[in-house]
Amino acid sequence: MTPADEPSGIDLESHVAERRRSGDDGEDQAVTRSAAELEAVFDVPVRVSAILGRARLGISDLLQLAPGSVLELDRKVGEAIDIYVNDRLVARGEVVLVEDKLGVTMTEIVKSDR
C-alpha cells in the first residue's frame, strides 16, 4: 500500500490485516502489542472542548441577549481554534461541516511543557 492509497482515517485492524497479507509481520506484532497495551484506557472519559473564541461582557449586556443575537468574539473568521482535553491545550484546528453537523479538524498538535 502506498501513502497515496492509504485512507485518511486508519482502521487499526484492517491496517494490521493488510500488513500481514504483505508478509511484514515484525512491525505488525509491535502495532498489535501497542494497541493492546492502550486498551485499558479506551473507556476513560475525557472532556474535549473546541474554543472558537472568547468575549467579555457585563451582566446587563448578557441579560439583553436574545435568540438571534450576534456576539462578537476575539478571533477572526478562518483563524485556528484551540482544542482542549481536560482543560489542557493539546491542538489547534479548524471548523468543518460533516453532513449537517459541525466538526473539528486538528491541523497542529501543541507540545506541552509539562
PDB file of N, CA and C in Angstrom:
ATOM      1  N   MET A   1       0.856  -1.178   0.000  1.00  0.00           N
ATOM      2  CA  MET A   1       0.000   0.000   0.000  1.00  0.00           C
ATOM      3  C   MET A   1       0.896   1.232   0.000  1.00  0.00           C
ATOM      4  N   THR A   2       0.684   2.132  -0.911  1.00  0.00           N
ATOM      5  CA  THR A   2       1.473   3.356  -0.987  1.00  0.00           C
ATOM      6  C   THR A   2       0.795   4.435  -0.168  1.00  0.00           C
ATOM      7  N   PRO A   3       1.512   5.484   0.230  1.00  0.00           N
ATOM      8  CA  PRO A   3       0.885   6.561   1.015  1.00  0.00           C
ATOM      9  C   PRO A   3      -0.330   7.163   0.315  1.00  0.00           C
ATOM     10  N   ALA A   4      -0.329   7.208  -1.018  1.00  0.00           N
ATOM     11  CA  ALA A   4      -1.477   7.778  -1.728  1.00  0.00           C
ATOM     12  C   ALA A   4      -2.707   6.885  -1.608  1.00  0.00           C
ATOM     13  N   ASP A   5      -2.489   5.568  -1.411  1.00  0.00           N
ATOM     14  CA  ASP A   5      -3.597   4.627  -1.295  1.00  0.00           C
ATOM     15  C   ASP A   5      -4.191   4.586   0.092  1.00  0.00           C
ATOM     16  N   GLU A   6      -3.472   5.080   1.102  1.00  0.00           N
ATOM     17  CA  GLU A   6      -3.946   4.979   2.479  1.00  0.00           C
ATOM     18  C   GLU A   6      -5.129   5.899   2.700  1.00  0.00           C
ATOM     19  N   PRO A   7      -6.143   5.421   3.428  1.00  0.00           N
ATOM     20  CA  PRO A   7      -7.284   6.281   3.738  1.00  0.00           C
ATOM     21  C   PRO A   7      -6.885   7.336   4.746  1.00  0.00           C
ATOM     22  N   SER A   8      -7.671   8.415   4.819  1.00  0.00           N
ATOM     23  CA  SER A   8      -7.342   9.494   5.743  1.00  0.00           C
ATOM     24  C   SER A   8      -7.483   9.059   7.193  1.00  0.00           C
ATOM     25  N   GLY A   9      -8.454   8.198   7.504  1.00  0.00           N
ATOM     26  CA  GLY A   9      -8.603   7.654   8.850  1.00  0.00           C
ATOM     27  C   GLY A   9      -8.173   6.201   8.815  1.00  0.00           C
ATOM     28  N   ILE A  10      -7.210   5.807   9.637  1.00  0.00           N
ATOM     29  CA  ILE A  10      -6.673   4.457   9.590  1.00  0.00           C
ATOM     30  C   ILE A  10      -7.400   3.584  10.587  1.00  0.00           C
ATOM     31  N   ASP A  11      -7.961   2.475  10.095  1.00  0.00           N
ATOM     32  CA  ASP A  11      -8.586   1.475  10.942  1.00  0.00           C
ATOM     33  C   ASP A  11      -7.487   0.493  11.326  1.00  0.00           C
ATOM     34  N   LEU A  12      -7.164   0.395  12.611  1.00  0.00           N
ATOM     35  CA  LEU A  12      -6.038  -0.395  13.085  1.00  0.00           C
ATOM     36  C   LEU A  12      -6.146  -1.854  12.679  1.00  0.00           C
ATOM     37  N   GLU A  13      -7.329  -2.439  12.811  1.00  0.00           N
ATOM     38  CA  GLU A  13      -7.489  -3.860  12.481  1.00  0.00           C
ATOM     39  C   GLU A  13      -7.242  -4.129  10.998  1.00  0.00           C
ATOM     40  N   SER A  14      -7.799  -3.293  10.111  1.00  0.00           N
ATOM     41  CA  SER A  14      -7.585  -3.522   8.684  1.00  0.00           C
ATOM     42  C   SER A  14      -6.143  -3.229   8.294  1.00  0.00           C
ATOM     43  N   HIS A  15      -5.521  -2.271   8.965  1.00  0.00           N
ATOM     44  CA  HIS A  15      -4.115  -1.958   8.705  1.00  0.00           C
ATOM     45  C   HIS A  15      -3.231  -3.149   9.058  1.00  0.00           C
ATOM     46  N   VAL A  16      -3.474  -3.763  10.224  1.00  0.00           N
ATOM     47  CA  VAL A  16      -2.695  -4.923  10.653  1.00  0.00           C
ATOM     48  C   VAL A  16      -2.927  -6.091   9.704  1.00  0.00           C
ATOM     49  N   ALA A  17      -4.195  -6.314   9.298  1.00  0.00           N
ATOM     50  CA  ALA A  17      -4.503  -7.409   8.373  1.00  0.00           C
ATOM     51  C   ALA A  17      -3.788  -7.202   7.041  1.00  0.00           C
ATOM     52  N   GLU A  18      -3.765  -5.971   6.548  1.00  0.00           N
ATOM     53  CA  GLU A  18      -3.080  -5.667   5.287  1.00  0.00           C
ATOM     54  C   GLU A  18      -1.583  -5.934   5.412  1.00  0.00           C
ATOM     55  N   ARG A  19      -0.999  -5.542   6.530  1.00  0.00           N
ATOM     56  CA  ARG A  19       0.439  -5.773   6.732  1.00  0.00           C
ATOM     57  C   ARG A  19       0.752  -7.256   6.808  1.00  0.00           C
ATOM     58  N   ARG A  20      -0.145  -8.037   7.405  1.00  0.00           N
ATOM     59  CA  ARG A  20       0.066  -9.493   7.474  1.00  0.00           C
ATOM     60  C   ARG A  20       0.024 -10.100   6.078  1.00  0.00           C
ATOM     61  N   ARG A  21      -0.910  -9.632   5.249  1.00  0.00           N
ATOM     62  CA  ARG A  21      -1.002 -10.154   3.883  1.00  0.00           C
ATOM     63  C   ARG A  21       0.250  -9.819   3.090  1.00  0.00           C
ATOM     64  N   SER A  22       0.863  -8.664   3.386  1.00  0.00           N
ATOM     65  CA  SER A  22       2.062  -8.273   2.652  1.00  0.00           C
ATOM     66  C   SER A  22       3.309  -8.976   3.165  1.00  0.00           C
ATOM     67  N   GLY A  23       3.196  -9.730   4.275  1.00  0.00           N
ATOM     68  CA  GLY A  23       4.322 -10.500   4.789  1.00  0.00           C
ATOM     69  C   GLY A  23       5.216  -9.731   5.738  1.00  0.00           C
ATOM     70  N   ASP A  24       4.811  -8.557   6.184  1.00  0.00           N
ATOM     71  CA  ASP A  24       5.615  -7.735   7.092  1.00  0.00           C
ATOM     72  C   ASP A  24       5.128  -7.957   8.517  1.00  0.00           C
ATOM     73  N   ASP A  25       5.500  -9.089   9.141  1.00  0.00           N
ATOM     74  CA  ASP A  25       4.982  -9.461  10.457  1.00  0.00           C
ATOM     75  C   ASP A  25       5.718  -8.820  11.619  1.00  0.00           C
ATOM     76  N   GLY A  26       6.960  -8.427  11.445  1.00  0.00           N
ATOM     77  CA  GLY A  26       7.737  -7.877  12.551  1.00  0.00           C
ATOM     78  C   GLY A  26       7.116  -6.631  13.139  1.00  0.00           C
ATOM     79  N   GLU A  27       6.716  -5.705  12.275  1.00  0.00           N
ATOM     80  CA  GLU A  27       6.103  -4.474  12.746  1.00  0.00           C
ATOM     81  C   GLU A  27       4.674  -4.699  13.208  1.00  0.00           C
ATOM     82  N   ASP A  28       3.975  -5.668  12.615  1.00  0.00           N
ATOM     83  CA  ASP A  28       2.593  -5.961  12.986  1.00  0.00           C
ATOM     84  C   ASP A  28       2.486  -6.328  14.452  1.00  0.00           C
ATOM     85  N   GLN A  29       3.401  -7.133  14.923  1.00  0.00           N
ATOM     86  CA  GLN A  29       3.352  -7.543  16.319  1.00  0.00           C
ATOM     87  C   GLN A  29       3.538  -6.342  17.231  1.00  0.00           C
ATOM     88  N   ALA A  30       4.392  -5.413  16.850  1.00  0.00           N
ATOM     89  CA  ALA A  30       4.609  -4.211  17.653  1.00  0.00           C
ATOM     90  C   ALA A  30       3.363  -3.333  17.656  1.00  0.00           C
ATOM     91  N   VAL A  31       2.708  -3.181  16.497  1.00  0.00           N
ATOM     92  CA  VAL A  31       1.496  -2.360  16.410  1.00  0.00           C
ATOM     93  C   VAL A  31       0.384  -2.991  17.230  1.00  0.00           C
ATOM     94  N   THR A  32       0.198  -4.302  17.095  1.00  0.00           N
ATOM     95  CA  THR A  32      -0.849  -5.005  17.840  1.00  0.00           C
ATOM     96  C   THR A  32      -0.582  -4.928  19.333  1.00  0.00           C
ATOM     97  N   ARG A  33       0.669  -5.106  19.735  1.00  0.00           N
ATOM     98  CA  ARG A  33       1.025  -5.042  21.150  1.00  0.00           C
ATOM     99  C   ARG A  33       0.784  -3.637  21.693  1.00  0.00           C
ATOM    100  N   SER A  34       1.134  -2.604  20.948  1.00  0.00           N
ATOM    101  CA  SER A  34       0.918  -1.229  21.402  1.00  0.00           C
ATOM    102  C   SER A  34      -0.564  -0.942  21.586  1.00  0.00           C
ATOM    103  N   ALA A  35      -1.395  -1.385  20.649  1.00  0.00           N
ATOM    104  CA  ALA A  35      -2.837  -1.172  20.755  1.00  0.00           C
ATOM    105  C   ALA A  35      -3.394  -1.924  21.956  1.00  0.00           C
ATOM    106  N   ALA A  36      -2.908  -3.137  22.189  1.00  0.00           N
ATOM    107  CA  ALA A  36      -3.383  -3.936  23.323  1.00  0.00           C
ATOM    108  C   ALA A  36      -2.991  -3.290  24.644  1.00  0.00           C
ATOM    109  N   GLU A  37      -1.824  -2.684  24.702  1.00  0.00           N
ATOM    110  CA  GLU A  37      -1.378  -2.022  25.932  1.00  0.00           C
ATOM    111  C   GLU A  37      -2.241  -0.806  26.246  1.00  0.00           C
ATOM    112  N   LEU A  38      -2.773  -0.153  25.243  1.00  0.00           N
ATOM    113  CA  LEU A  38      -3.609   1.029  25.445  1.00  0.00           C
ATOM    114  C   LEU A  38      -5.065   0.692  25.711  1.00  0.00           C
ATOM    115  N   GLU A  39      -5.445  -0.550  25.535  1.00  0.00           N
ATOM    116  CA  GLU A  39      -6.844  -0.943  25.679  1.00  0.00           C
ATOM    117  C   GLU A  39      -7.424  -0.580  27.043  1.00  0.00           C
ATOM    118  N   ALA A  40      -6.618  -0.565  28.084  1.00  0.00           N
ATOM    119  CA  ALA A  40      -7.098  -0.247  29.430  1.00  0.00           C
ATOM    120  C   ALA A  40      -7.616   1.184  29.533  1.00  0.00           C
ATOM    121  N   VAL A  41      -7.148   2.090  28.677  1.00  0.00           N
ATOM    122  CA  VAL A  41      -7.572   3.490  28.770  1.00  0.00           C
ATOM    123  C   VAL A  41      -8.629   3.874  27.737  1.00  0.00           C
ATOM    124  N   PHE A  42      -9.067   2.929  26.917  1.00  0.00           N
ATOM    125  CA  PHE A  42     -10.053   3.238  25.883  1.00  0.00           C
ATOM    126  C   PHE A  42     -11.368   3.750  26.460  1.00  0.00           C
ATOM    127  N   ASP A  43     -11.760   3.320  27.641  1.00  0.00           N
ATOM    128  CA  ASP A  43     -13.043   3.711  28.228  1.00  0.00           C
ATOM    129  C   ASP A  43     -12.925   4.835  29.253  1.00  0.00           C
ATOM    130  N   VAL A  44     -11.754   5.444  29.382  1.00  0.00           N
ATOM    131  CA  VAL A  44     -11.576   6.546  30.327  1.00  0.00           C
ATOM    132  C   VAL A  44     -12.202   7.808  29.723  1.00  0.00           C
ATOM    133  N   PRO A  45     -13.177   8.396  30.425  1.00  0.00           N
ATOM    134  CA  PRO A  45     -13.817   9.592  29.873  1.00  0.00           C
ATOM    135  C   PRO A  45     -12.900  10.815  29.948  1.00  0.00           C
ATOM    136  N   VAL A  46     -12.928  11.615  28.903  1.00  0.00           N
ATOM    137  CA  VAL A  46     -12.199  12.881  28.871  1.00  0.00           C
ATOM    138  C   VAL A  46     -13.152  13.956  28.372  1.00  0.00           C
ATOM    139  N   ARG A  47     -12.882  15.195  28.737  1.00  0.00           N
ATOM    140  CA  ARG A  47     -13.702  16.317  28.286  1.00  0.00           C
ATOM    141  C   ARG A  47     -12.929  17.054  27.197  1.00  0.00           C
ATOM    142  N   VAL A  48     -13.501  17.118  26.006  1.00  0.00           N
ATOM    143  CA  VAL A  48     -12.867  17.785  24.872  1.00  0.00           C
ATOM    144  C   VAL A  48     -13.633  19.077  24.593  1.00  0.00           C
ATOM    145  N   SER A  49     -12.903  20.188  24.488  1.00  0.00           N
ATOM    146  CA  SER A  49     -13.509  21.494  24.211  1.00  0.00           C
ATOM    147  C   SER A  49     -12.835  22.105  22.996  1.00  0.00           C
ATOM    148  N   ALA A  50     -13.633  22.662  22.099  1.00  0.00           N
ATOM    149  CA  ALA A  50     -13.117  23.405  20.950  1.00  0.00           C
ATOM    150  C   ALA A  50     -13.515  24.862  21.160  1.00  0.00           C
ATOM    151  N   ILE A  51     -12.532  25.710  21.396  1.00  0.00           N
ATOM    152  CA  ILE A  51     -12.776  27.122  21.703  1.00  0.00           C
ATOM    153  C   ILE A  51     -12.691  27.937  20.414  1.00  0.00           C
ATOM    154  N   LEU A  52     -13.841  28.450  19.987  1.00  0.00           N
ATOM    155  CA  LEU A  52     -13.899  29.259  18.773  1.00  0.00           C
ATOM    156  C   LEU A  52     -13.394  30.671  19.016  1.00  0.00           C
ATOM    157  N   GLY A  53     -13.568  31.154  20.234  1.00  0.00           N
ATOM    158  CA  GLY A  53     -13.158  32.499  20.594  1.00  0.00           C
ATOM    159  C   GLY A  53     -13.740  32.858  21.940  1.00  0.00           C
ATOM    160  N   ARG A  54     -13.421  34.027  22.419  1.00  0.00           N
ATOM    161  CA  ARG A  54     -13.906  34.481  23.719  1.00  0.00           C
ATOM    162  C   ARG A  54     -14.490  35.880  23.570  1.00  0.00           C
ATOM    163  N   ALA A  55     -15.387  36.180  24.488  1.00  0.00           N
ATOM    164  CA  ALA A  55     -15.978  37.516  24.533  1.00  0.00           C
ATOM    165  C   ALA A  55     -16.154  37.888  26.000  1.00  0.00           C
ATOM    166  N   ARG A  56     -16.005  39.158  26.305  1.00  0.00           N
ATOM    167  CA  ARG A  56     -16.195  39.651  27.664  1.00  0.00           C
ATOM    168  C   ARG A  56     -17.297  40.693  27.629  1.00  0.00           C
ATOM    169  N   LEU A  57     -18.316  40.485  28.466  1.00  0.00           N
ATOM    170  CA  LEU A  57     -19.396  41.453  28.549  1.00  0.00           C
ATOM    171  C   LEU A  57     -19.967  41.470  29.954  1.00  0.00           C
ATOM    172  N   GLY A  58     -20.557  42.565  30.268  1.00  0.00           N
ATOM    173  CA  GLY A  58     -21.142  42.738  31.591  1.00  0.00           C
ATOM    174  C   GLY A  58     -22.436  41.954  31.730  1.00  0.00           C
ATOM    175  N   ILE A  59     -22.893  41.815  32.965  1.00  0.00           N
ATOM    176  CA  ILE A  59     -24.114  41.056  33.234  1.00  0.00           C
ATOM    177  C   ILE A  59     -25.320  41.716  32.568  1.00  0.00           C
ATOM    178  N   SER A  60     -25.371  43.032  32.567  1.00  0.00           N
ATOM    179  CA  SER A  60     -26.517  43.710  31.931  1.00  0.00           C
ATOM    180  C   SER A  60     -26.559  43.398  30.431  1.00  0.00           C
ATOM    181  N   ASP A  61     -25.389  43.352  29.763  1.00  0.00           N
ATOM    182  CA  ASP A  61     -25.339  43.002  28.341  1.00  0.00           C
ATOM    183  C   ASP A  61     -25.714  41.536  28.132  1.00  0.00           C
ATOM    184  N   LEU A  62     -25.290  40.686  29.042  1.00  0.00           N
ATOM    185  CA  LEU A  62     -25.613  39.261  28.961  1.00  0.00           C
ATOM    186  C   LEU A  62     -27.119  39.041  29.058  1.00  0.00           C
ATOM    187  N   LEU A  63     -27.770  39.780  29.950  1.00  0.00           N
ATOM    188  CA  LEU A  63     -29.207  39.646  30.134  1.00  0.00           C
ATOM    189  C   LEU A  63     -30.002  40.154  28.930  1.00  0.00           C
ATOM    190  N   GLN A  64     -29.405  41.016  28.126  1.00  0.00           N
ATOM    191  CA  GLN A  64     -30.090  41.550  26.951  1.00  0.00           C
ATOM    192  C   GLN A  64     -29.980  40.641  25.728  1.00  0.00           C
ATOM    193  N   LEU A  65     -29.172  39.595  25.811  1.00  0.00           N
ATOM    194  CA  LEU A  65     -29.046  38.675  24.679  1.00  0.00           C
ATOM    195  C   LEU A  65     -30.355  37.917  24.474  1.00  0.00           C
ATOM    196  N   ALA A  66     -30.715  37.726  23.230  1.00  0.00           N
ATOM    197  CA  ALA A  66     -31.947  37.015  22.870  1.00  0.00           C
ATOM    198  C   ALA A  66     -31.620  36.067  21.716  1.00  0.00           C
ATOM    199  N   PRO A  67     -32.493  35.136  21.417  1.00  0.00           N
ATOM    200  CA  PRO A  67     -32.251  34.266  20.252  1.00  0.00           C
ATOM    201  C   PRO A  67     -32.011  35.111  19.004  1.00  0.00           C
ATOM    202  N   GLY A  68     -30.948  34.782  18.283  1.00  0.00           N
ATOM    203  CA  GLY A  68     -30.597  35.546  17.084  1.00  0.00           C
ATOM    204  C   GLY A  68     -29.604  36.661  17.330  1.00  0.00           C
ATOM    205  N   SER A  69     -29.276  36.933  18.603  1.00  0.00           N
ATOM    206  CA  SER A  69     -28.281  37.964  18.914  1.00  0.00           C
ATOM    207  C   SER A  69     -26.916  37.519  18.401  1.00  0.00           C
ATOM    208  N   VAL A  70     -26.125  38.478  17.976  1.00  0.00           N
ATOM    209  CA  VAL A  70     -24.779  38.200  17.493  1.00  0.00           C
ATOM    210  C   VAL A  70     -23.792  38.644  18.558  1.00  0.00           C
ATOM    211  N   LEU A  71     -22.886  37.760  18.892  1.00  0.00           N
ATOM    212  CA  LEU A  71     -21.874  38.038  19.902  1.00  0.00           C
ATOM    213  C   LEU A  71     -20.511  38.049  19.222  1.00  0.00           C
ATOM    214  N   GLU A  72     -19.823  39.165  19.284  1.00  0.00           N
ATOM    215  CA  GLU A  72     -18.528  39.296  18.627  1.00  0.00           C
ATOM    216  C   GLU A  72     -17.445  38.620  19.461  1.00  0.00           C
ATOM    217  N   LEU A  73     -16.677  37.725  18.830  1.00  0.00           N
ATOM    218  CA  LEU A  73     -15.597  37.015  19.509  1.00  0.00           C
ATOM    219  C   LEU A  73     -14.266  37.671  19.208  1.00  0.00           C
ATOM    220  N   ASP A  74     -13.227  37.271  19.934  1.00  0.00           N
ATOM    221  CA  ASP A  74     -11.909  37.879  19.784  1.00  0.00           C
ATOM    222  C   ASP A  74     -11.067  37.246  18.668  1.00  0.00           C
ATOM    223  N   ARG A  75     -11.662  36.421  17.830  1.00  0.00           N
ATOM    224  CA  ARG A  75     -10.938  35.783  16.735  1.00  0.00           C
ATOM    225  C   ARG A  75     -11.572  36.151  15.406  1.00  0.00           C
ATOM    226  N   LYS A  76     -10.759  36.065  14.361  1.00  0.00           N
ATOM    227  CA  LYS A  76     -11.239  36.378  13.017  1.00  0.00           C
ATOM    228  C   LYS A  76     -11.716  35.103  12.325  1.00  0.00           C
ATOM    229  N   VAL A  77     -12.548  35.261  11.322  1.00  0.00           N
ATOM    230  CA  VAL A  77     -13.016  34.137  10.523  1.00  0.00           C
ATOM    231  C   VAL A  77     -11.815  33.455   9.870  1.00  0.00           C
ATOM    232  N   GLY A  78     -11.755  32.144   9.967  1.00  0.00           N
ATOM    233  CA  GLY A  78     -10.655  31.390   9.364  1.00  0.00           C
ATOM    234  C   GLY A  78      -9.461  31.201  10.277  1.00  0.00           C
ATOM    235  N   GLU A  79      -9.436  31.882  11.406  1.00  0.00           N
ATOM    236  CA  GLU A  79      -8.333  31.737  12.353  1.00  0.00           C
ATOM    237  C   GLU A  79      -8.459  30.390  13.079  1.00  0.00           C
ATOM    238  N   ALA A  80      -7.343  29.782  13.422  1.00  0.00           N
ATOM    239  CA  ALA A  80      -7.345  28.474  14.080  1.00  0.00           C
ATOM    240  C   ALA A  80      -8.073  28.532  15.421  1.00  0.00           C
ATOM    241  N   ILE A  81      -8.760  27.439  15.744  1.00  0.00           N
ATOM    242  CA  ILE A  81      -9.425  27.333  17.042  1.00  0.00           C
ATOM    243  C   ILE A  81      -8.546  26.500  17.969  1.00  0.00           C
ATOM    244  N   ASP A  82      -8.743  26.654  19.264  1.00  0.00           N
ATOM    245  CA  ASP A  82      -7.977  25.895  20.249  1.00  0.00           C
ATOM    246  C   ASP A  82      -8.766  24.665  20.664  1.00  0.00           C
ATOM    247  N   ILE A  83      -8.078  23.533  20.782  1.00  0.00           N
ATOM    248  CA  ILE A  83      -8.702  22.281  21.196  1.00  0.00           C
ATOM    249  C   ILE A  83      -8.088  21.873  22.529  1.00  0.00           C
ATOM    250  N   TYR A  84      -8.945  21.761  23.537  1.00  0.00           N
ATOM    251  CA  TYR A  84      -8.511  21.402  24.881  1.00  0.00           C
ATOM    252  C   TYR A  84      -9.017  20.008  25.235  1.00  0.00           C
ATOM    253  N   VAL A  85      -8.200  19.245  25.938  1.00  0.00           N
ATOM    254  CA  VAL A  85      -8.618  17.970  26.524  1.00  0.00           C
ATOM    255  C   VAL A  85      -8.397  18.103  28.022  1.00  0.00           C
ATOM    256  N   ASN A  86      -9.483  17.960  28.787  1.00  0.00           N
ATOM    257  CA  ASN A  86      -9.427  18.142  30.245  1.00  0.00           C
ATOM    258  C   ASN A  86      -8.751  19.458  30.622  1.00  0.00           C
ATOM    259  N   ASP A  87      -9.181  20.544  29.999  1.00  0.00           N
ATOM    260  CA  ASP A  87      -8.692  21.907  30.274  1.00  0.00           C
ATOM    261  C   ASP A  87      -7.218  22.115  29.944  1.00  0.00           C
ATOM    262  N   ARG A  88      -6.668  21.287  29.099  1.00  0.00           N
ATOM    263  CA  ARG A  88      -5.261  21.424  28.703  1.00  0.00           C
ATOM    264  C   ARG A  88      -5.195  21.562  27.185  1.00  0.00           C
ATOM    265  N   LEU A  89      -4.547  22.625  26.700  1.00  0.00           N
ATOM    266  CA  LEU A  89      -4.421  22.854  25.268  1.00  0.00           C
ATOM    267  C   LEU A  89      -3.584  21.744  24.644  1.00  0.00           C
ATOM    268  N   VAL A  90      -4.159  21.024  23.669  1.00  0.00           N
ATOM    269  CA  VAL A  90      -3.437  19.932  23.027  1.00  0.00           C
ATOM    270  C   VAL A  90      -3.272  20.132  21.526  1.00  0.00           C
ATOM    271  N   ALA A  91      -4.131  20.957  20.913  1.00  0.00           N
ATOM    272  CA  ALA A  91      -4.046  21.108  19.463  1.00  0.00           C
ATOM    273  C   ALA A  91      -4.736  22.384  19.015  1.00  0.00           C
ATOM    274  N   ARG A  92      -4.509  22.705  17.749  1.00  0.00           N
ATOM    275  CA  ARG A  92      -5.241  23.787  17.080  1.00  0.00           C
ATOM    276  C   ARG A  92      -5.870  23.172  15.838  1.00  0.00           C
ATOM    277  N   GLY A  93      -6.953  23.752  15.409  1.00  0.00           N
ATOM    278  CA  GLY A  93      -7.630  23.170  14.266  1.00  0.00           C
ATOM    279  C   GLY A  93      -8.567  24.143  13.598  1.00  0.00           C
ATOM    280  N   GLU A  94      -9.435  23.580  12.760  1.00  0.00           N
ATOM    281  CA  GLU A  94     -10.405  24.408  12.057  1.00  0.00           C
ATOM    282  C   GLU A  94     -11.759  23.717  12.071  1.00  0.00           C
ATOM    283  N   VAL A  95     -12.796  24.528  11.968  1.00  0.00           N
ATOM    284  CA  VAL A  95     -14.163  24.019  11.972  1.00  0.00           C
ATOM    285  C   VAL A  95     -14.484  23.502  10.577  1.00  0.00           C
ATOM    286  N   VAL A  96     -15.118  22.322  10.518  1.00  0.00           N
ATOM    287  CA  VAL A  96     -15.530  21.729   9.250  1.00  0.00           C
ATOM    288  C   VAL A  96     -16.998  21.333   9.345  1.00  0.00           C
ATOM    289  N   LEU A  97     -17.633  21.186   8.210  1.00  0.00           N
ATOM    290  CA  LEU A  97     -19.018  20.739   8.152  1.00  0.00           C
ATOM    291  C   LEU A  97     -19.018  19.292   7.677  1.00  0.00           C
ATOM    292  N   VAL A  98     -19.565  18.388   8.486  1.00  0.00           N
ATOM    293  CA  VAL A  98     -19.660  16.976   8.146  1.00  0.00           C
ATOM    294  C   VAL A  98     -21.138  16.648   8.053  1.00  0.00           C
ATOM    295  N   GLU A  99     -21.599  16.408   6.829  1.00  0.00           N
ATOM    296  CA  GLU A  99     -23.021  16.241   6.543  1.00  0.00           C
ATOM    297  C   GLU A  99     -23.753  17.471   7.067  1.00  0.00           C
ATOM    298  N   ASP A 100     -24.585  17.350   8.097  1.00  0.00           N
ATOM    299  CA  ASP A 100     -25.294  18.521   8.605  1.00  0.00           C
ATOM    300  C   ASP A 100     -24.831  18.912  10.000  1.00  0.00           C
ATOM    301  N   LYS A 101     -23.642  18.461  10.399  1.00  0.00           N
ATOM    302  CA  LYS A 101     -23.119  18.751  11.738  1.00  0.00           C
ATOM    303  C   LYS A 101     -21.761  19.433  11.640  1.00  0.00           C
ATOM    304  N   LEU A 102     -21.443  20.204  12.681  1.00  0.00           N
ATOM    305  CA  LEU A 102     -20.125  20.829  12.754  1.00  0.00           C
ATOM    306  C   LEU A 102     -19.131  19.856  13.341  1.00  0.00           C
ATOM    307  N   GLY A 103     -17.903  19.922  12.865  1.00  0.00           N
ATOM    308  CA  GLY A 103     -16.824  19.097  13.388  1.00  0.00           C
ATOM    309  C   GLY A 103     -15.560  19.922  13.473  1.00  0.00           C
ATOM    310  N   VAL A 104     -14.502  19.304  13.956  1.00  0.00           N
ATOM    311  CA  VAL A 104     -13.213  19.978  14.095  1.00  0.00           C
ATOM    312  C   VAL A 104     -12.128  19.106  13.487  1.00  0.00           C
ATOM    313  N   THR A 105     -11.294  19.685  12.662  1.00  0.00           N
ATOM    314  CA  THR A 105     -10.130  19.000  12.116  1.00  0.00           C
ATOM    315  C   THR A 105      -8.898  19.551  12.809  1.00  0.00           C
ATOM    316  N   MET A 106      -8.088  18.664  13.384  1.00  0.00           N
ATOM    317  CA  MET A 106      -6.852  19.109  14.032  1.00  0.00           C
ATOM    318  C   MET A 106      -5.801  19.369  12.961  1.00  0.00           C
ATOM    319  N   THR A 107      -5.221  20.543  12.978  1.00  0.00           N
ATOM    320  CA  THR A 107      -4.204  20.911  11.999  1.00  0.00           C
ATOM    321  C   THR A 107      -2.818  21.028  12.614  1.00  0.00           C
ATOM    322  N   GLU A 108      -2.764  21.139  13.941  1.00  0.00           N
ATOM    323  CA  GLU A 108      -1.470  21.311  14.626  1.00  0.00           C
ATOM    324  C   GLU A 108      -1.580  20.734  16.033  1.00  0.00           C
ATOM    325  N   ILE A 109      -0.616  19.911  16.408  1.00  0.00           N
ATOM    326  CA  ILE A 109      -0.535  19.391  17.766  1.00  0.00           C
ATOM    327  C   ILE A 109       0.362  20.323  18.564  1.00  0.00           C
ATOM    328  N   VAL A 110      -0.096  20.733  19.746  1.00  0.00           N
ATOM    329  CA  VAL A 110       0.660  21.672  20.573  1.00  0.00           C
ATOM    330  C   VAL A 110       1.470  20.858  21.593  1.00  0.00           C
ATOM    331  N   LYS A 111       2.770  21.058  21.580  1.00  0.00           N
ATOM    332  CA  LYS A 111       3.627  20.357  22.534  1.00  0.00           C
ATOM    333  C   LYS A 111       3.495  20.989  23.906  1.00  0.00           C
ATOM    334  N   SER A 112       3.459  20.144  24.911  1.00  0.00           N
ATOM    335  CA  SER A 112       3.302  20.598  26.288  1.00  0.00           C
ATOM    336  C   SER A 112       4.655  20.777  26.954  1.00  0.00           C
ATOM    337  N   ASP A 113       4.751  21.767  27.845  1.00  0.00           N
ATOM    338  CA  ASP A 113       5.991  21.969  28.592  1.00  0.00           C
ATOM    339  C   ASP A 113       6.096  21.032  29.772  1.00  0.00           C
ATOM    340  N   ARG A 114       4.972  20.457  30.188  1.00  0.00           N
ATOM    341  CA  ARG A 114       4.962  19.560  31.340  1.00  0.00           C
ATOM    342  C   ARG A 114       5.450  18.192  31.011  1.00  0.00           C
TER     343      ARG A 114
END
